[in-house]
């Protein structure tokens, strides 16, 4: 069951990963599961949401820019990032500061 990430009160940061996949799994599913497991243990990780159709959009939430930088520099994460061309025909990463949120 999908759930909406429960973050703390703003401000915090969102890393938006937008992608178009290549054909075939190429071990993607296993790596994606492992990266979420690893990211969720990182200091400053607040949550994660993802959706995929023609374009995939994954958003991870972080307490600070320092936490995002530490995740980007994580050795296992860096190793997995090197396989991006096997999984994506294109992608974009955007880092945003969340100033306000609301919902139910």
Protein backbone atom coordinates (compact mmCIF):
# COMPACT_ATOMS: atom_id res chain seq x y z
CA UNK A 1 0.00 0.00 0.00
CA UNK A 2 1.30 3.44 -0.97
CA UNK A 3 1.29 6.15 1.66
CA UNK A 4 2.07 9.84 1.63
CA UNK A 5 5.28 10.67 3.48
CA UNK A 6 4.79 12.24 6.89
CA UNK A 7 7.37 14.97 7.27
CA UNK A 8 7.99 17.41 10.10
CA UNK A 9 6.95 21.05 10.03
CA UNK A 10 8.63 23.13 7.30
CA UNK A 11 11.12 24.22 6.39
CA UNK A 12 12.77 21.08 5.09
CA UNK A 13 14.08 19.95 1.70
CA UNK A 14 12.80 17.82 -1.14
CA UNK A 15 14.96 16.08 -3.72
CA UNK A 16 12.87 15.48 -6.83
CA UNK A 17 14.17 12.79 -9.18
CA UNK A 18 12.34 12.76 -12.52
CA UNK A 19 13.26 10.01 -14.98
CA UNK A 20 12.48 8.04 -18.12
CA UNK A 21 13.42 4.36 -17.83
CA UNK A 22 15.22 2.25 -20.41
CA UNK A 23 13.70 -1.07 -21.48
CA UNK A 24 14.15 -4.06 -19.15
CA UNK A 25 14.79 -4.26 -15.44
CA UNK A 26 18.61 -4.60 -15.57
CA UNK A 27 18.59 -5.24 -11.78
CA UNK A 28 16.83 -1.91 -11.21
CA UNK A 29 14.13 -3.19 -8.83
CA UNK A 30 16.67 -4.71 -6.44
CA UNK A 31 18.87 -1.59 -6.49
CA UNK A 32 15.91 0.78 -5.96
CA UNK A 33 14.73 -1.24 -2.96
CA UNK A 34 18.25 -1.27 -1.49
CA UNK A 35 18.71 2.49 -1.97
CA UNK A 36 15.45 3.22 -0.15
CA UNK A 37 16.49 0.93 2.71
CA UNK A 38 19.87 2.67 2.91
CA UNK A 39 18.50 6.22 2.54
CA UNK A 40 15.92 5.66 5.27
CA UNK A 41 18.76 4.98 7.72
CA UNK A 42 20.62 8.19 6.90
CA UNK A 43 20.57 11.04 9.41
CA UNK A 44 18.11 13.70 8.26
CA UNK A 45 15.96 11.41 6.06
CA UNK A 46 12.28 12.33 6.49
CA UNK A 47 10.39 10.26 3.92
CA UNK A 48 9.93 9.12 0.33
CA UNK A 49 7.22 9.06 -2.34
CA UNK A 50 7.31 7.68 -5.87
CA UNK A 51 5.08 7.23 -8.90
CA UNK A 52 5.82 5.89 -12.37
CA UNK A 53 4.04 5.83 -15.68
CA UNK A 54 5.73 7.20 -18.81
CA UNK A 55 7.78 9.45 -16.55
CA UNK A 56 8.85 8.46 -13.05
CA UNK A 57 8.87 10.96 -10.22
CA UNK A 58 10.47 10.13 -6.89
CA UNK A 59 10.70 12.62 -4.06
CA UNK A 60 12.84 12.17 -0.98
CA UNK A 61 12.53 14.53 1.96
CA UNK A 62 15.44 15.70 4.08
CA UNK A 63 15.96 17.88 7.13
CA UNK A 64 18.87 19.88 5.68
CA UNK A 65 21.12 20.47 2.69
CA UNK A 66 23.91 18.83 4.70
CA UNK A 67 21.85 15.64 5.01
CA UNK A 68 21.25 15.64 1.24
CA UNK A 69 24.96 16.11 0.58
CA UNK A 70 25.86 13.26 2.94
CA UNK A 71 23.40 10.97 1.13
CA UNK A 72 24.79 11.97 -2.28
CA UNK A 73 28.30 11.14 -1.03
CA UNK A 74 27.35 7.78 0.54
CA UNK A 75 29.71 5.20 -1.00
CA UNK A 76 27.06 2.57 -1.81
CA UNK A 77 24.75 5.24 -3.23
CA UNK A 78 27.57 6.59 -5.44
CA UNK A 79 28.32 3.10 -6.70
CA UNK A 80 24.67 2.59 -7.60
CA UNK A 81 24.49 5.99 -9.32
CA UNK A 82 27.17 4.82 -11.75
CA UNK A 83 24.63 2.35 -13.19
CA UNK A 84 22.18 5.13 -14.13
CA UNK A 85 22.74 4.72 -17.88
CA UNK A 86 21.59 1.09 -17.60
CA UNK A 87 18.27 2.21 -16.09
CA UNK A 88 17.42 5.65 -17.46
CA UNK A 89 17.33 7.18 -20.92
CA UNK A 90 17.15 10.58 -19.18
CA UNK A 91 16.78 11.99 -15.69
CA UNK A 92 16.86 15.24 -13.76
CA UNK A 93 17.47 15.93 -10.06
CA UNK A 94 16.02 19.03 -8.45
CA UNK A 95 16.62 20.15 -4.86
CA UNK A 96 13.95 22.39 -3.32
CA UNK A 97 13.28 24.00 0.02
CA UNK A 98 9.75 23.27 1.28
CA UNK A 99 8.36 26.43 2.86
CA UNK A 100 4.77 25.34 3.44
CA UNK A 101 2.68 22.18 3.39
CA UNK A 102 -0.92 21.26 4.06
CA UNK A 103 -3.25 18.33 3.53
CA UNK A 104 -5.07 15.57 5.35
